[in-house]
Amino acid sequence: GGSVVPCVCSMASLSSSLVELACRLHEVQALKFGSFTLKSGLSSPVYFDLRVVVSQPALMNQVANLLFQTAKAAAVTYDCICGVPYTALPLATVICSTQQIPMLIRRKEAKDYGTKRLVEGTIKPGETCLIIEDVVTSGSSILETVDILQKEGLKVSDAIVLVNREQGGDDWLEEHSIRLHSVCTLSKLLEILHQHHRIDTETVERVRKFIQETSTLKTTALNGSGPVTKKCREMGFGARAQLPDIHFLAARLLNVMDKKQSNLCLSADVTDPKELLQLADSLGPSICMLKTHVDILNDFTLDLMKELRMLAERHEFLIFEDRKFADIGNTVKHQYEGGMFRIASWSDVVNAHVVPGLGVLTGLKEVGLPLQRGCLLIAEMSSQGSLATGDYTKAAVKMAEEHPDFVFGFISCSRVSSKPEFLHLTPGVQMQAGGDNLGQQYLTPQELVGKRGSDIIIVGRGILSAPNRVEAAEAYRKAAWEAYISRLEGL
């Protein structure tokens, strides 16, 4: 006969099932302790790899049953089930097959033949779909699935997860009207494994510290009694840098921002090379990024860019060449890699218009990916009468979401994607709102970062035309950072 599916009927049997589950997950190395490098380049003391469960049929049945019983205990009502690809797919399959529930399969990428659908199965618009996931960190992969199912006309209100890593995912999902129900938390797994002598106290402490440091809910109580949980509206820069799917450059930038308490990018639109280096050196400590327009310099050498890179390393900021690539793939590839400027050799970040379609990204990626470079897509512009709005903006977001290996954010006037992995950079910033006589419209740091959800402000003239540029840069850095802190605290 096949494996027997244990029935979880009471709280007592649930806790004994959890003990068995924790020990088995540890035995089959679905849960590992040590030092693991996440995609973001950060080191984590704990690692989940629930893909190995597919080779353990009895364990897979147990996990599937616990997920199902958790939904039952929470009295969730639903018509069908969808597993977040790929790890949760077999779990959803077992639940649906055992409990006779219709299932839907979400593809990671649409087929380029046949129906070209992102969701397979019989979709009945208006029905409620329950989401199944293995582990939740930020909640962004669940939200991605929610978005796709909702676009198909389905209702989604709940998600069941095996392990909640307690890094702010449930709050982030609640912000988007999704209730998260978990079989257990990472803290509970630690407690069980420690009680059963599978891990030592030192490991428990190390992981607990990691959870606390990377949690988006961490805040200090007014009475100084240490961390208490308080609802934060969103994740901080440091926590976002640790997301498992974060782009390497985004993680680097977020860590710089967190360390320097700066979300200010200087738009160094100067024509004199000496002035460019002088700006980089004097304002470097206040900024997280320096934006160049290399084709307006009246004298250019690759040695100049070597010096700029040395200053970037010394003062810890990234270089962003605001080239706004907007041609067919083959052309932009040459513009990025070659010519007299050799942009890819010295610029960490470039940007592109999405108007040529996917080719522009394919061309840039060929050059940039091997060099660990990143790209921002122009989703909105701050000039009056800009055509980058509505469906055009949506198309830019879609293109970014389909190429997270190279695109890590947007140039936009507000937050255009709810995914915390993407950064939003906004130009057209001044301390006083207004405009210039060439159609540029200015907004304040508080409005852009605090209210519109932008992450980094790009400031040029506001600093360059000030009598004391160092003081002006510091004033903008402070204003933008304070706006970010007030946004985090949900003020």
Foldseek 3Di string as FASTA:
>chain_A
DDADQDADDDPVVLVVLVLVLLVVCVVLVQKDADWDQFQLRDTARIHGRLQSCVVPVNSLSHLLNLLVVLCVVVVPDFQEEEEQPDNCRVSSVSNCVVVVGHYKYAAPAFDPDDPSARIDDDDDAPTEYEYEYEEDAQQQSVVVVCVSNVVSRYHYQEYEYAEYQQQHNQLLVVLVRHHYGYSYYPLVSLVSCPVVVVDDPVRSVRNVVVSQVLHLQFDADPVRPHTDGDRWNHRQLQNLSPPRLFQNVSNLLSVLCVVLVFQEEEEAEDQELVVSLVCLQLQLSLHQEYEYQQVSHPDDAVVSLVSSQVSCVVSHHFYEYAPADEDFLVVLLCVCCHDRCRPLVRHQEYEYECVVDPRVVVNVCVSNLVSSHAYAYEQAAQFPPDPNDDPSSVSSVVSCSSCVNHYQEYAHQADDDSDSSHAYEYEQEACDWAADPVRGTHDYLLCHVQPRPHRHYYDYCNQVVDPHNNVSSNVNRVRNSVSNVCSRRVD
